[in-house]
């Protein structure tokens, strides 16, 4: 909330106004992320290493300044551990139909509090018999 009147590009913003950053626009700025609506994880790499000159998207995702999300560290570490554990234990792949042809997932998204893909089919297989046994033992409990 502004504590005093302010001016931006000729517009007066009165004291008491709540300013909310447009994280979607920040993360889809074509001058920062060329072709922002295309999945390109390589945009963050240069010579096989993290390119420090590309803005880290978590800067916008978790807020700014005094209002930054206090759970940011916990959220990032939890997501890393969850994804790492899943990838270590399972082979994930596109689903196949009865004839063995690959079923391409839809590129459509659903809107809500967060934007997320429409439900899609996939294959999730344990990477080893040991993982399969752990899962079966857990199911019996």
N, C-alpha and C. Protein backbone atom coordinates (compact mmCIF):
# COMPACT_ATOMS: atom_id res chain seq x y z
N UNK A 1 0.85 -1.16 0.00
CA UNK A 1 0.00 0.00 0.00
C UNK A 1 0.91 1.24 0.00
N UNK A 2 0.59 2.16 -0.89
CA UNK A 2 1.38 3.39 -0.96
C UNK A 2 1.17 4.22 0.30
N UNK A 3 2.27 4.72 0.84
CA UNK A 3 2.20 5.55 2.04
C UNK A 3 2.15 7.03 1.70
N UNK A 4 2.35 7.35 0.40
CA UNK A 4 2.27 8.73 -0.07
C UNK A 4 1.85 8.71 -1.53
N UNK A 5 1.28 9.81 -2.01
CA UNK A 5 0.95 9.90 -3.43
C UNK A 5 2.22 9.65 -4.25
N UNK A 6 2.06 9.05 -5.42
CA UNK A 6 3.20 8.76 -6.29
C UNK A 6 2.77 9.06 -7.72
N UNK A 7 3.75 9.16 -8.60
CA UNK A 7 3.46 9.38 -10.01
C UNK A 7 4.28 8.40 -10.83
N UNK A 8 3.63 7.79 -11.82
CA UNK A 8 4.31 6.86 -12.71
C UNK A 8 3.88 7.17 -14.14
N UNK A 9 4.85 7.55 -14.97
CA UNK A 9 4.60 7.86 -16.39
C UNK A 9 3.42 8.81 -16.57
N UNK A 10 3.35 9.83 -15.73
CA UNK A 10 2.30 10.83 -15.85
C UNK A 10 1.00 10.49 -15.13
N UNK A 11 0.90 9.30 -14.58
CA UNK A 11 -0.30 8.89 -13.85
C UNK A 11 -0.07 9.10 -12.36
N UNK A 12 -1.02 9.74 -11.69
CA UNK A 12 -0.94 9.92 -10.25
C UNK A 12 -1.56 8.71 -9.57
N UNK A 13 -0.81 8.13 -8.65
CA UNK A 13 -1.29 6.98 -7.88
C UNK A 13 -1.46 7.49 -6.44
N UNK A 14 -2.70 7.56 -5.96
CA UNK A 14 -2.94 8.17 -4.65
C UNK A 14 -2.46 7.30 -3.48
N UNK A 15 -2.14 7.99 -2.41
CA UNK A 15 -1.78 7.34 -1.15
C UNK A 15 -2.88 6.33 -0.79
N UNK A 16 -2.47 5.17 -0.25
CA UNK A 16 -3.44 4.15 0.15
C UNK A 16 -3.73 3.12 -0.94
N UNK A 17 -3.23 3.37 -2.16
CA UNK A 17 -3.45 2.42 -3.25
C UNK A 17 -2.62 1.16 -3.02
N UNK A 18 -3.24 0.02 -3.25
CA UNK A 18 -2.52 -1.25 -3.17
C UNK A 18 -2.00 -1.58 -4.56
N UNK A 19 -0.71 -1.81 -4.68
CA UNK A 19 -0.08 -2.14 -5.95
C UNK A 19 0.25 -3.63 -5.93
N UNK A 20 -0.20 -4.34 -6.95
CA UNK A 20 0.09 -5.77 -7.06
C UNK A 20 0.86 -5.99 -8.36
N UNK A 21 2.01 -6.63 -8.25
CA UNK A 21 2.83 -6.91 -9.43
C UNK A 21 2.13 -7.94 -10.31
N UNK A 22 2.21 -7.76 -11.61
CA UNK A 22 1.62 -8.70 -12.57
C UNK A 22 2.65 -9.78 -12.89
N UNK A 23 2.70 -10.82 -12.05
CA UNK A 23 3.70 -11.87 -12.21
C UNK A 23 3.57 -12.57 -13.56
N UNK A 24 2.35 -12.76 -14.04
CA UNK A 24 2.16 -13.41 -15.34
C UNK A 24 2.88 -12.63 -16.44
N UNK A 25 2.70 -11.32 -16.45
CA UNK A 25 3.34 -10.51 -17.49
C UNK A 25 4.86 -10.52 -17.33
N UNK A 26 5.33 -10.45 -16.10
CA UNK A 26 6.77 -10.49 -15.85
C UNK A 26 7.36 -11.78 -16.39
N UNK A 27 6.67 -12.90 -16.18
CA UNK A 27 7.19 -14.21 -16.60
C UNK A 27 6.95 -14.50 -18.08
N UNK A 28 6.20 -13.64 -18.77
CA UNK A 28 5.94 -13.83 -20.20
C UNK A 28 6.42 -12.65 -21.04
N UNK A 29 7.37 -11.91 -20.52
CA UNK A 29 7.95 -10.76 -21.22
C UNK A 29 8.88 -11.29 -22.33
N UNK A 30 8.51 -11.03 -23.58
CA UNK A 30 9.28 -11.56 -24.71
C UNK A 30 10.69 -10.98 -24.80
N UNK A 31 10.94 -9.84 -24.17
CA UNK A 31 12.31 -9.31 -24.18
C UNK A 31 13.21 -10.09 -23.22
N UNK A 32 12.61 -10.75 -22.24
CA UNK A 32 13.37 -11.56 -21.29
C UNK A 32 13.33 -13.03 -21.67
N UNK A 33 12.14 -13.52 -22.05
CA UNK A 33 11.94 -14.92 -22.42
C UNK A 33 11.40 -14.99 -23.84
N UNK A 34 12.26 -15.03 -24.86
CA UNK A 34 11.75 -15.14 -26.24
C UNK A 34 10.83 -16.36 -26.37
N UNK A 35 9.73 -16.18 -27.10
CA UNK A 35 8.75 -17.25 -27.30
C UNK A 35 8.28 -17.80 -25.94
N UNK A 36 7.73 -16.94 -25.07
CA UNK A 36 7.45 -17.32 -23.69
C UNK A 36 6.41 -18.41 -23.49
N UNK A 37 5.57 -18.67 -24.47
CA UNK A 37 4.52 -19.68 -24.31
C UNK A 37 4.94 -21.06 -24.79
N UNK A 38 6.21 -21.20 -25.16
CA UNK A 38 6.74 -22.49 -25.60
C UNK A 38 7.61 -23.06 -24.48
N UNK A 39 7.44 -24.35 -24.20
CA UNK A 39 8.24 -25.02 -23.18
C UNK A 39 9.67 -25.16 -23.70
N UNK A 40 10.58 -24.40 -23.13
CA UNK A 40 11.98 -24.40 -23.55
C UNK A 40 12.89 -24.34 -22.33
N UNK A 41 13.07 -25.43 -21.61
CA UNK A 41 13.93 -25.36 -20.43
C UNK A 41 15.37 -24.98 -20.77
N UNK A 42 15.77 -25.21 -22.02
CA UNK A 42 17.14 -24.87 -22.42
C UNK A 42 17.38 -23.36 -22.43
N UNK A 43 16.32 -22.56 -22.37
CA UNK A 43 16.50 -21.11 -22.34
C UNK A 43 17.26 -20.66 -21.09
N UNK A 44 17.30 -21.51 -20.08
CA UNK A 44 18.00 -21.17 -18.84
C UNK A 44 19.44 -21.69 -18.82
N UNK A 45 19.89 -22.28 -19.93
CA UNK A 45 21.24 -22.85 -20.00
C UNK A 45 22.10 -22.12 -21.02
N UNK A 46 23.39 -22.13 -20.75
CA UNK A 46 24.39 -21.62 -21.69
C UNK A 46 25.59 -22.53 -21.55
N UNK A 47 25.97 -23.17 -22.63
CA UNK A 47 27.09 -24.13 -22.61
C UNK A 47 26.88 -25.22 -21.55
N UNK A 48 25.63 -25.68 -21.40
CA UNK A 48 25.31 -26.77 -20.48
C UNK A 48 25.24 -26.39 -19.02
N UNK A 49 25.34 -25.09 -18.72
CA UNK A 49 25.29 -24.63 -17.33
C UNK A 49 24.20 -23.57 -17.19
N UNK A 50 23.74 -23.36 -15.95
CA UNK A 50 22.72 -22.33 -15.70
C UNK A 50 23.24 -20.98 -16.17
N UNK A 51 22.45 -20.30 -16.99
CA UNK A 51 22.79 -18.98 -17.49
C UNK A 51 22.32 -17.94 -16.49
N UNK A 52 23.24 -17.36 -15.74
CA UNK A 52 22.90 -16.40 -14.69
C UNK A 52 22.30 -15.11 -15.23
N UNK A 53 22.45 -14.86 -16.56
CA UNK A 53 21.91 -13.62 -17.13
C UNK A 53 20.41 -13.71 -17.39
N UNK A 54 19.84 -14.92 -17.37
CA UNK A 54 18.39 -15.09 -17.57
C UNK A 54 17.71 -14.99 -16.21
N UNK A 55 16.67 -14.16 -16.13
CA UNK A 55 15.98 -13.96 -14.86
C UNK A 55 15.40 -15.27 -14.33
N UNK A 56 15.67 -15.56 -13.08
CA UNK A 56 15.14 -16.73 -12.41
C UNK A 56 13.64 -16.51 -12.19
N UNK A 57 12.76 -17.37 -12.74
CA UNK A 57 11.32 -17.14 -12.62
C UNK A 57 10.79 -17.15 -11.19
N UNK A 58 11.51 -17.74 -10.26
CA UNK A 58 11.00 -17.74 -8.88
C UNK A 58 10.99 -16.34 -8.28
N UNK A 59 11.75 -15.42 -8.88
CA UNK A 59 11.74 -14.04 -8.39
C UNK A 59 10.32 -13.48 -8.45
N UNK A 60 9.62 -13.75 -9.56
CA UNK A 60 8.26 -13.24 -9.71
C UNK A 60 7.23 -14.16 -9.05
N UNK A 61 7.50 -15.44 -9.03
CA UNK A 61 6.51 -16.40 -8.54
C UNK A 61 6.23 -16.29 -7.04
N UNK A 62 7.22 -15.87 -6.26
CA UNK A 62 7.05 -15.84 -4.81
C UNK A 62 6.88 -14.44 -4.23
N UNK A 63 6.73 -13.45 -5.08
CA UNK A 63 6.51 -12.10 -4.58
C UNK A 63 7.80 -11.32 -4.45
N UNK A 64 7.66 -10.11 -3.90
CA UNK A 64 8.77 -9.16 -3.89
C UNK A 64 8.93 -8.48 -2.55
N UNK A 65 10.15 -8.06 -2.28
CA UNK A 65 10.42 -7.19 -1.14
C UNK A 65 9.90 -7.70 0.18
N UNK A 66 9.30 -6.80 0.96
CA UNK A 66 8.79 -7.16 2.29
C UNK A 66 7.67 -8.17 2.22
N UNK A 67 7.04 -8.28 1.08
CA UNK A 67 5.88 -9.16 0.94
C UNK A 67 6.23 -10.52 0.32
N UNK A 68 7.52 -10.79 0.19
CA UNK A 68 7.91 -12.07 -0.40
C UNK A 68 7.37 -13.22 0.46
N UNK A 69 6.99 -14.30 -0.17
CA UNK A 69 6.41 -15.44 0.53
C UNK A 69 7.39 -16.00 1.56
N UNK A 70 7.01 -16.06 2.84
CA UNK A 70 7.93 -16.58 3.85
C UNK A 70 8.18 -18.09 3.70
N UNK A 71 7.32 -18.77 2.97
CA UNK A 71 7.50 -20.21 2.78
C UNK A 71 8.25 -20.57 1.51
N UNK A 72 8.87 -19.57 0.87
CA UNK A 72 9.55 -19.81 -0.40
C UNK A 72 10.59 -20.93 -0.29
N UNK A 73 11.47 -20.85 0.68
CA UNK A 73 12.52 -21.87 0.83
C UNK A 73 11.95 -23.25 1.04
N UNK A 74 10.95 -23.35 1.92
CA UNK A 74 10.31 -24.64 2.18
C UNK A 74 9.65 -25.18 0.91
N UNK A 75 8.95 -24.31 0.18
CA UNK A 75 8.26 -24.73 -1.04
C UNK A 75 9.25 -25.23 -2.09
N UNK A 76 10.34 -24.49 -2.29
CA UNK A 76 11.33 -24.88 -3.29
C UNK A 76 11.99 -26.21 -2.92
N UNK A 77 12.37 -26.34 -1.67
CA UNK A 77 13.05 -27.57 -1.25
C UNK A 77 12.10 -28.78 -1.26
N UNK A 78 10.85 -28.56 -0.87
CA UNK A 78 9.86 -29.64 -0.91
C UNK A 78 9.60 -30.09 -2.34
N UNK A 79 9.47 -29.14 -3.26
CA UNK A 79 9.25 -29.49 -4.67
C UNK A 79 10.45 -30.25 -5.22
N UNK A 80 11.65 -29.80 -4.88
CA UNK A 80 12.88 -30.46 -5.36
C UNK A 80 12.93 -31.90 -4.84
N UNK A 81 12.68 -32.09 -3.56
CA UNK A 81 12.72 -33.44 -2.98
C UNK A 81 11.63 -34.34 -3.56
N UNK A 82 10.43 -33.80 -3.73
CA UNK A 82 9.33 -34.58 -4.29
C UNK A 82 9.63 -35.00 -5.72
N UNK A 83 10.01 -34.04 -6.55
CA UNK A 83 10.31 -34.36 -7.96
C UNK A 83 11.49 -35.32 -8.06
N UNK A 84 12.53 -35.06 -7.29
CA UNK A 84 13.70 -35.94 -7.32
C UNK A 84 13.36 -37.36 -6.89
N UNK A 85 12.55 -37.50 -5.86
CA UNK A 85 12.15 -38.84 -5.38
C UNK A 85 11.32 -39.57 -6.42
N UNK A 86 10.39 -38.87 -7.05
CA UNK A 86 9.56 -39.50 -8.09
C UNK A 86 10.42 -39.94 -9.26
N UNK A 87 11.31 -39.07 -9.72
CA UNK A 87 12.15 -39.41 -10.87
C UNK A 87 13.15 -40.52 -10.54
N UNK A 88 13.61 -40.58 -9.30
CA UNK A 88 14.53 -41.65 -8.91
C UNK A 88 13.83 -43.00 -8.86
N UNK A 89 12.56 -43.01 -8.50
CA UNK A 89 11.83 -44.26 -8.31
C UNK A 89 11.03 -44.73 -9.52
N UNK A 90 10.64 -43.80 -10.39
CA UNK A 90 9.73 -44.16 -11.48
C UNK A 90 10.22 -43.70 -12.84
N UNK A 91 9.87 -44.48 -13.83
CA UNK A 91 10.08 -44.07 -15.23
C UNK A 91 8.75 -43.49 -15.70
N UNK A 92 8.75 -42.23 -16.11
CA UNK A 92 7.55 -41.56 -16.58
C UNK A 92 7.60 -41.44 -18.09
N UNK A 93 6.51 -41.76 -18.76
CA UNK A 93 6.48 -41.66 -20.22
C UNK A 93 5.06 -41.38 -20.70
N UNK A 94 4.97 -41.05 -21.97
CA UNK A 94 3.66 -40.84 -22.58
C UNK A 94 2.92 -42.17 -22.63
N UNK A 95 1.60 -42.10 -22.55
CA UNK A 95 0.77 -43.31 -22.63
C UNK A 95 0.75 -43.83 -24.06
N UNK A 96 0.39 -45.09 -24.20
CA UNK A 96 0.22 -45.69 -25.53
C UNK A 96 -1.19 -46.27 -25.62
N UNK A 97 -1.71 -46.31 -26.84
CA UNK A 97 -3.05 -46.88 -27.04
C UNK A 97 -2.94 -48.39 -27.21
N UNK A 98 -4.07 -49.05 -27.51
CA UNK A 98 -4.12 -50.51 -27.63
C UNK A 98 -3.20 -51.04 -28.73
N UNK A 99 -2.91 -50.21 -29.73
CA UNK A 99 -2.04 -50.62 -30.83
C UNK A 99 -0.57 -50.27 -30.58
N UNK A 100 -0.30 -49.67 -29.43
CA UNK A 100 1.08 -49.31 -29.09
C UNK A 100 1.51 -47.94 -29.57
N UNK A 101 0.59 -47.20 -30.18
CA UNK A 101 0.93 -45.85 -30.66
C UNK A 101 0.94 -44.87 -29.48
N UNK A 102 1.87 -43.95 -29.52
CA UNK A 102 1.99 -42.95 -28.46
C UNK A 102 0.79 -42.00 -28.46
N UNK A 103 0.26 -41.75 -27.28
CA UNK A 103 -0.83 -40.78 -27.12
C UNK A 103 -0.19 -39.45 -26.70
N UNK A 104 -0.29 -38.46 -27.56
CA UNK A 104 0.29 -37.15 -27.27
C UNK A 104 -0.61 -36.40 -26.28
N UNK A 105 -0.05 -35.92 -25.18
CA UNK A 105 -0.85 -35.15 -24.23
C UNK A 105 -1.34 -33.84 -24.87
N UNK A 106 -2.48 -33.38 -24.43
CA UNK A 106 -3.03 -32.11 -24.89
C UNK A 106 -2.15 -30.96 -24.40
N UNK A 107 -2.08 -29.91 -25.19
CA UNK A 107 -1.33 -28.72 -24.77
C UNK A 107 -2.27 -27.68 -24.19
N UNK A 108 -3.49 -28.08 -23.87
CA UNK A 108 -4.47 -27.13 -23.32
C UNK A 108 -4.35 -27.05 -21.80
N UNK A 109 -4.66 -25.88 -21.29
CA UNK A 109 -4.57 -25.63 -19.86
C UNK A 109 -5.90 -25.21 -19.29
N UNK A 110 -6.08 -25.44 -17.99
CA UNK A 110 -7.27 -25.01 -17.26
C UNK A 110 -6.90 -23.82 -16.39
N UNK A 111 -7.83 -22.91 -16.23
CA UNK A 111 -7.57 -21.73 -15.40
C UNK A 111 -8.21 -21.92 -14.03
N UNK A 112 -7.68 -21.23 -13.09
CA UNK A 112 -8.19 -21.25 -11.73
C UNK A 112 -7.27 -20.39 -10.90
N UNK A 113 -7.11 -20.73 -9.64
CA UNK A 113 -6.16 -20.00 -8.81
C UNK A 113 -4.77 -20.11 -9.42
N UNK A 114 -4.47 -21.29 -9.96
CA UNK A 114 -3.24 -21.49 -10.72
C UNK A 114 -3.61 -22.07 -12.08
N UNK A 115 -2.76 -21.89 -13.05
CA UNK A 115 -2.97 -22.43 -14.39
C UNK A 115 -2.33 -23.82 -14.42
N UNK A 116 -3.06 -24.82 -14.88
CA UNK A 116 -2.52 -26.18 -14.89
C UNK A 116 -3.04 -26.93 -16.11
N UNK A 117 -2.30 -27.97 -16.54
CA UNK A 117 -2.73 -28.70 -17.73
C UNK A 117 -4.00 -29.49 -17.49
N UNK A 118 -4.73 -29.72 -18.58
CA UNK A 118 -5.89 -30.61 -18.50
C UNK A 118 -5.40 -32.00 -18.12
N UNK A 119 -6.25 -32.81 -17.48
CA UNK A 119 -5.85 -34.18 -17.17
C UNK A 119 -5.41 -34.91 -18.44
N UNK A 120 -4.38 -35.75 -18.31
CA UNK A 120 -3.88 -36.50 -19.46
C UNK A 120 -3.39 -37.86 -19.00
N UNK A 121 -3.34 -38.79 -19.95
CA UNK A 121 -2.86 -40.13 -19.65
C UNK A 121 -1.34 -40.15 -19.73
N UNK A 122 -0.74 -41.01 -18.90
CA UNK A 122 0.71 -41.22 -18.95
C UNK A 122 1.00 -42.61 -18.38
N UNK A 123 2.25 -43.03 -18.54
CA UNK A 123 2.68 -44.30 -17.95
C UNK A 123 3.66 -44.00 -16.83
N UNK A 124 3.44 -44.64 -15.69
CA UNK A 124 4.32 -44.48 -14.54
C UNK A 124 4.71 -45.89 -14.11
N UNK A 125 5.98 -46.22 -14.30
CA UNK A 125 6.45 -47.58 -13.99
C UNK A 125 7.61 -47.52 -13.01
N UNK A 126 7.62 -48.42 -12.02
CA UNK A 126 8.76 -48.47 -11.09
C UNK A 126 10.05 -48.75 -11.86
N UNK A 127 11.14 -48.14 -11.44
CA UNK A 127 12.43 -48.32 -12.12
C UNK A 127 13.08 -49.65 -11.78
N UNK A 128 12.62 -50.31 -10.72
CA UNK A 128 13.23 -51.59 -10.35
C UNK A 128 12.22 -52.45 -9.60
N UNK A 129 12.56 -53.73 -9.46
CA UNK A 129 11.72 -54.64 -8.67
C UNK A 129 11.70 -54.22 -7.20
N UNK A 130 12.82 -53.67 -6.73
CA UNK A 130 12.89 -53.22 -5.33
C UNK A 130 11.89 -52.09 -5.07
N UNK A 131 11.79 -51.18 -5.99
CA UNK A 131 10.82 -50.09 -5.85
C UNK A 131 9.40 -50.67 -5.88
N UNK A 132 9.16 -51.59 -6.80
CA UNK A 132 7.84 -52.23 -6.89
C UNK A 132 7.49 -52.90 -5.55
N UNK A 133 8.46 -53.60 -4.94
CA UNK A 133 8.22 -54.28 -3.66
C UNK A 133 7.91 -53.28 -2.54
N UNK A 134 8.60 -52.15 -2.53
CA UNK A 134 8.34 -51.12 -1.52
C UNK A 134 6.91 -50.60 -1.67
N UNK A 135 6.49 -50.37 -2.90
CA UNK A 135 5.13 -49.87 -3.15
C UNK A 135 4.11 -50.90 -2.69
N UNK A 136 4.32 -52.16 -3.04
CA UNK A 136 3.38 -53.21 -2.64
C UNK A 136 3.31 -53.34 -1.12
N UNK A 137 4.46 -53.23 -0.45
CA UNK A 137 4.49 -53.32 1.01
C UNK A 137 3.72 -52.16 1.63
N UNK A 138 3.81 -51.00 1.03
CA UNK A 138 3.11 -49.82 1.53
C UNK A 138 1.60 -49.96 1.34
N UNK A 139 1.19 -50.57 0.22
CA UNK A 139 -0.23 -50.75 -0.07
C UNK A 139 -0.91 -51.63 0.97
N UNK A 140 -0.20 -52.58 1.53
CA UNK A 140 -0.78 -53.53 2.47
C UNK A 140 -1.01 -52.93 3.85
N UNK A 141 -0.40 -51.82 4.16
CA UNK A 141 -0.49 -51.23 5.51
C UNK A 141 -1.80 -50.61 5.76
